Amino acid sequence: MRPYDLKRLGRPASHGCVRLHPDNAAKFYALALEEGLGNTEIIIKQ
């Protein structure tokens, strides 16, 4: 991730994608694997 990309963390990127800090993305992925990718539901509220 380029340094300037970190300025927009937490905001929509495109087509529903949300930027996460690389450390948080790794944690989220590990949790999703633990629970099962098919059992992982993501709900974003503003």
PDB file of N, CA and C in Angstrom:
ATOM      1  N   MET A   1       0.861  -1.175   0.000  1.00  0.00           N
ATOM      2  CA  MET A   1       0.000   0.000   0.000  1.00  0.00           C
ATOM      3  C   MET A   1       0.904   1.233   0.000  1.00  0.00           C
ATOM      4  N   ARG A   2       0.590   2.154  -0.864  1.00  0.00           N
ATOM      5  CA  ARG A   2       1.358   3.390  -0.928  1.00  0.00           C
ATOM      6  C   ARG A   2       0.954   4.309   0.212  1.00  0.00           C
ATOM      7  N   PRO A   3       1.881   5.115   0.727  1.00  0.00           N
ATOM      8  CA  PRO A   3       1.587   5.986   1.889  1.00  0.00           C
ATOM      9  C   PRO A   3       0.361   6.865   1.701  1.00  0.00           C
ATOM     10  N   TYR A   4       0.146   7.390   0.496  1.00  0.00           N
ATOM     11  CA  TYR A   4      -0.998   8.278   0.300  1.00  0.00           C
ATOM     12  C   TYR A   4      -2.325   7.527   0.340  1.00  0.00           C
ATOM     13  N   ASP A   5      -2.301   6.232   0.144  1.00  0.00           N
ATOM     14  CA  ASP A   5      -3.529   5.440   0.239  1.00  0.00           C
ATOM     15  C   ASP A   5      -4.033   5.373   1.679  1.00  0.00           C
ATOM     16  N   LEU A   6      -3.155   5.521   2.651  1.00  0.00           N
ATOM     17  CA  LEU A   6      -3.548   5.434   4.059  1.00  0.00           C
ATOM     18  C   LEU A   6      -4.419   6.620   4.475  1.00  0.00           C
ATOM     19  N   LYS A   7      -4.383   7.716   3.755  1.00  0.00           N
ATOM     20  CA  LYS A   7      -5.191   8.895   4.084  1.00  0.00           C
ATOM     21  C   LYS A   7      -6.682   8.628   3.945  1.00  0.00           C
ATOM     22  N   ARG A   8      -7.032   7.682   3.115  1.00  0.00           N
ATOM     23  CA  ARG A   8      -8.449   7.437   2.814  1.00  0.00           C
ATOM     24  C   ARG A   8      -8.988   6.180   3.482  1.00  0.00           C
ATOM     25  N   LEU A   9      -8.325   5.704   4.523  1.00  0.00           N
ATOM     26  CA  LEU A   9      -8.769   4.482   5.193  1.00  0.00           C
ATOM     27  C   LEU A   9     -10.187   4.617   5.722  1.00  0.00           C
ATOM     28  N   GLY A  10     -10.963   3.551   5.594  1.00  0.00           N
ATOM     29  CA  GLY A  10     -12.322   3.536   6.100  1.00  0.00           C
ATOM     30  C   GLY A  10     -13.347   4.131   5.167  1.00  0.00           C
ATOM     31  N   ARG A  11     -12.905   4.661   4.056  1.00  0.00           N
ATOM     32  CA  ARG A  11     -13.830   5.243   3.074  1.00  0.00           C
ATOM     33  C   ARG A  11     -14.014   4.276   1.918  1.00  0.00           C
ATOM     34  N   PRO A  12     -15.156   4.360   1.256  1.00  0.00           N
ATOM     35  CA  PRO A  12     -15.370   3.481   0.108  1.00  0.00           C
ATOM     36  C   PRO A  12     -14.288   3.671  -0.945  1.00  0.00           C
ATOM     37  N   ALA A  13     -13.874   2.587  -1.565  1.00  0.00           N
ATOM     38  CA  ALA A  13     -12.859   2.653  -2.610  1.00  0.00           C
ATOM     39  C   ALA A  13     -13.540   2.592  -3.977  1.00  0.00           C
ATOM     40  N   SER A  14     -14.269   1.526  -4.226  1.00  0.00           N
ATOM     41  CA  SER A  14     -15.001   1.383  -5.482  1.00  0.00           C
ATOM     42  C   SER A  14     -15.921   0.176  -5.369  1.00  0.00           C
ATOM     43  N   HIS A  15     -17.069   0.281  -5.922  1.00  0.00           N
ATOM     44  CA  HIS A  15     -18.021  -0.833  -5.975  1.00  0.00           C
ATOM     45  C   HIS A  15     -18.194  -1.542  -4.632  1.00  0.00           C
ATOM     46  N   GLY A  16     -18.213  -0.773  -3.564  1.00  0.00           N
ATOM     47  CA  GLY A  16     -18.449  -1.357  -2.252  1.00  0.00           C
ATOM     48  C   GLY A  16     -17.207  -1.774  -1.495  1.00  0.00           C
ATOM     49  N   CYS A  17     -16.045  -1.627  -2.101  1.00  0.00           N
ATOM     50  CA  CYS A  17     -14.802  -1.964  -1.402  1.00  0.00           C
ATOM     51  C   CYS A  17     -14.504  -0.893  -0.351  1.00  0.00           C
ATOM     52  N   VAL A  18     -13.904  -1.302   0.738  1.00  0.00           N
ATOM     53  CA  VAL A  18     -13.513  -0.381   1.800  1.00  0.00           C
ATOM     54  C   VAL A  18     -12.031  -0.586   2.070  1.00  0.00           C
ATOM     55  N   ARG A  19     -11.317   0.515   2.175  1.00  0.00           N
ATOM     56  CA  ARG A  19      -9.877   0.429   2.452  1.00  0.00           C
ATOM     57  C   ARG A  19      -9.645   0.102   3.921  1.00  0.00           C
ATOM     58  N   LEU A  20      -8.708  -0.801   4.172  1.00  0.00           N
ATOM     59  CA  LEU A  20      -8.305  -1.154   5.528  1.00  0.00           C
ATOM     60  C   LEU A  20      -6.793  -1.011   5.627  1.00  0.00           C
ATOM     61  N   HIS A  21      -6.325  -0.659   6.826  1.00  0.00           N
ATOM     62  CA  HIS A  21      -4.893  -0.658   7.058  1.00  0.00           C
ATOM     63  C   HIS A  21      -4.412  -2.099   6.885  1.00  0.00           C
ATOM     64  N   PRO A  22      -3.235  -2.306   6.309  1.00  0.00           N
ATOM     65  CA  PRO A  22      -2.754  -3.676   6.082  1.00  0.00           C
ATOM     66  C   PRO A  22      -2.753  -4.536   7.349  1.00  0.00           C
ATOM     67  N   ASP A  23      -2.430  -3.965   8.493  1.00  0.00           N
ATOM     68  CA  ASP A  23      -2.452  -4.742   9.744  1.00  0.00           C
ATOM     69  C   ASP A  23      -3.869  -5.198  10.088  1.00  0.00           C
ATOM     70  N   ASN A  24      -4.841  -4.303   9.922  1.00  0.00           N
ATOM     71  CA  ASN A  24      -6.239  -4.649  10.210  1.00  0.00           C
ATOM     72  C   ASN A  24      -6.780  -5.642   9.190  1.00  0.00           C
ATOM     73  N   ALA A  25      -6.361  -5.509   7.950  1.00  0.00           N
ATOM     74  CA  ALA A  25      -6.804  -6.458   6.919  1.00  0.00           C
ATOM     75  C   ALA A  25      -6.309  -7.869   7.248  1.00  0.00           C
ATOM     76  N   ALA A  26      -5.083  -7.971   7.732  1.00  0.00           N
ATOM     77  CA  ALA A  26      -4.532  -9.284   8.100  1.00  0.00           C
ATOM     78  C   ALA A  26      -5.305  -9.885   9.269  1.00  0.00           C
ATOM     79  N   LYS A  27      -5.638  -9.065  10.255  1.00  0.00           N
ATOM     80  CA  LYS A  27      -6.422  -9.550  11.405  1.00  0.00           C
ATOM     81  C   LYS A  27      -7.808  -9.997  10.963  1.00  0.00           C
ATOM     82  N   PHE A  28      -8.434  -9.184  10.119  1.00  0.00           N
ATOM     83  CA  PHE A  28      -9.771  -9.523   9.635  1.00  0.00           C
ATOM     84  C   PHE A  28      -9.748 -10.837   8.854  1.00  0.00           C
ATOM     85  N   TYR A  29      -8.772 -11.006   8.006  1.00  0.00           N
ATOM     86  CA  TYR A  29      -8.665 -12.230   7.214  1.00  0.00           C
ATOM     87  C   TYR A  29      -8.485 -13.445   8.117  1.00  0.00           C
ATOM     88  N   ALA A  30      -7.641 -13.310   9.132  1.00  0.00           N
ATOM     89  CA  ALA A  30      -7.425 -14.422  10.068  1.00  0.00           C
ATOM     90  C   ALA A  30      -8.724 -14.782  10.790  1.00  0.00           C
ATOM     91  N   LEU A  31      -9.486 -13.772  11.211  1.00  0.00           N
ATOM     92  CA  LEU A  31     -10.768 -14.037  11.876  1.00  0.00           C
ATOM     93  C   LEU A  31     -11.756 -14.699  10.926  1.00  0.00           C
ATOM     94  N   ALA A  32     -11.783 -14.232   9.691  1.00  0.00           N
ATOM     95  CA  ALA A  32     -12.698 -14.813   8.708  1.00  0.00           C
ATOM     96  C   ALA A  32     -12.341 -16.275   8.442  1.00  0.00           C
ATOM     97  N   LEU A  33     -11.053 -16.568   8.355  1.00  0.00           N
ATOM     98  CA  LEU A  33     -10.641 -17.961   8.159  1.00  0.00           C
ATOM     99  C   LEU A  33     -11.039 -18.821   9.355  1.00  0.00           C
ATOM    100  N   GLU A  34     -10.885 -18.273  10.548  1.00  0.00           N
ATOM    101  CA  GLU A  34     -11.220 -19.005  11.771  1.00  0.00           C
ATOM    102  C   GLU A  34     -12.704 -19.354  11.825  1.00  0.00           C
ATOM    103  N   GLU A  35     -13.539 -18.428  11.425  1.00  0.00           N
ATOM    104  CA  GLU A  35     -14.994 -18.634  11.455  1.00  0.00           C
ATOM    105  C   GLU A  35     -15.498 -19.344  10.209  1.00  0.00           C
ATOM    106  N   GLY A  36     -14.703 -19.333   9.160  1.00  0.00           N
ATOM    107  CA  GLY A  36     -15.112 -19.899   7.875  1.00  0.00           C
ATOM    108  C   GLY A  36     -15.542 -18.786   6.947  1.00  0.00           C
ATOM    109  N   LEU A  37     -14.939 -18.729   5.790  1.00  0.00           N
ATOM    110  CA  LEU A  37     -15.239 -17.642   4.863  1.00  0.00           C
ATOM    111  C   LEU A  37     -16.723 -17.612   4.486  1.00  0.00           C
ATOM    112  N   GLY A  38     -17.340 -18.779   4.384  1.00  0.00           N
ATOM    113  CA  GLY A  38     -18.754 -18.842   4.046  1.00  0.00           C
ATOM    114  C   GLY A  38     -19.656 -18.369   5.164  1.00  0.00           C
ATOM    115  N   ASN A  39     -19.136 -18.315   6.378  1.00  0.00           N
ATOM    116  CA  ASN A  39     -19.914 -17.860   7.533  1.00  0.00           C
ATOM    117  C   ASN A  39     -19.650 -16.402   7.890  1.00  0.00           C
ATOM    118  N   THR A  40     -18.861 -15.730   7.070  1.00  0.00           N
ATOM    119  CA  THR A  40     -18.481 -14.356   7.357  1.00  0.00           C
ATOM    120  C   THR A  40     -19.389 -13.400   6.602  1.00  0.00           C
ATOM    121  N   GLU A  41     -20.069 -12.544   7.337  1.00  0.00           N
ATOM    122  CA  GLU A  41     -20.936 -11.531   6.749  1.00  0.00           C
ATOM    123  C   GLU A  41     -20.401 -10.169   7.151  1.00  0.00           C
ATOM    124  N   ILE A  42     -20.329  -9.283   6.189  1.00  0.00           N
ATOM    125  CA  ILE A  42     -19.808  -7.943   6.445  1.00  0.00           C
ATOM    126  C   ILE A  42     -20.948  -6.952   6.270  1.00  0.00           C
ATOM    127  N   ILE A  43     -21.179  -6.169   7.310  1.00  0.00           N
ATOM    128  CA  ILE A  43     -22.207  -5.122   7.272  1.00  0.00           C
ATOM    129  C   ILE A  43     -21.525  -3.808   7.600  1.00  0.00           C
ATOM    130  N   ILE A  44     -21.658  -2.858   6.698  1.00  0.00           N
ATOM    131  CA  ILE A  44     -21.038  -1.541   6.898  1.00  0.00           C
ATOM    132  C   ILE A  44     -22.149  -0.530   7.124  1.00  0.00           C
ATOM    133  N   LYS A  45     -22.051   0.165   8.232  1.00  0.00           N
ATOM    134  CA  LYS A  45     -23.035   1.202   8.570  1.00  0.00           C
ATOM    135  C   LYS A  45     -22.325   2.541   8.618  1.00  0.00           C
ATOM    136  N   GLN A  46     -23.035   3.556   8.218  1.00  0.00           N
ATOM    137  CA  GLN A  46     -22.448   4.903   8.287  1.00  0.00           C
ATOM    138  C   GLN A  46     -22.959   5.652   9.459  1.00  0.00           C
TER     139      GLN A  46
END
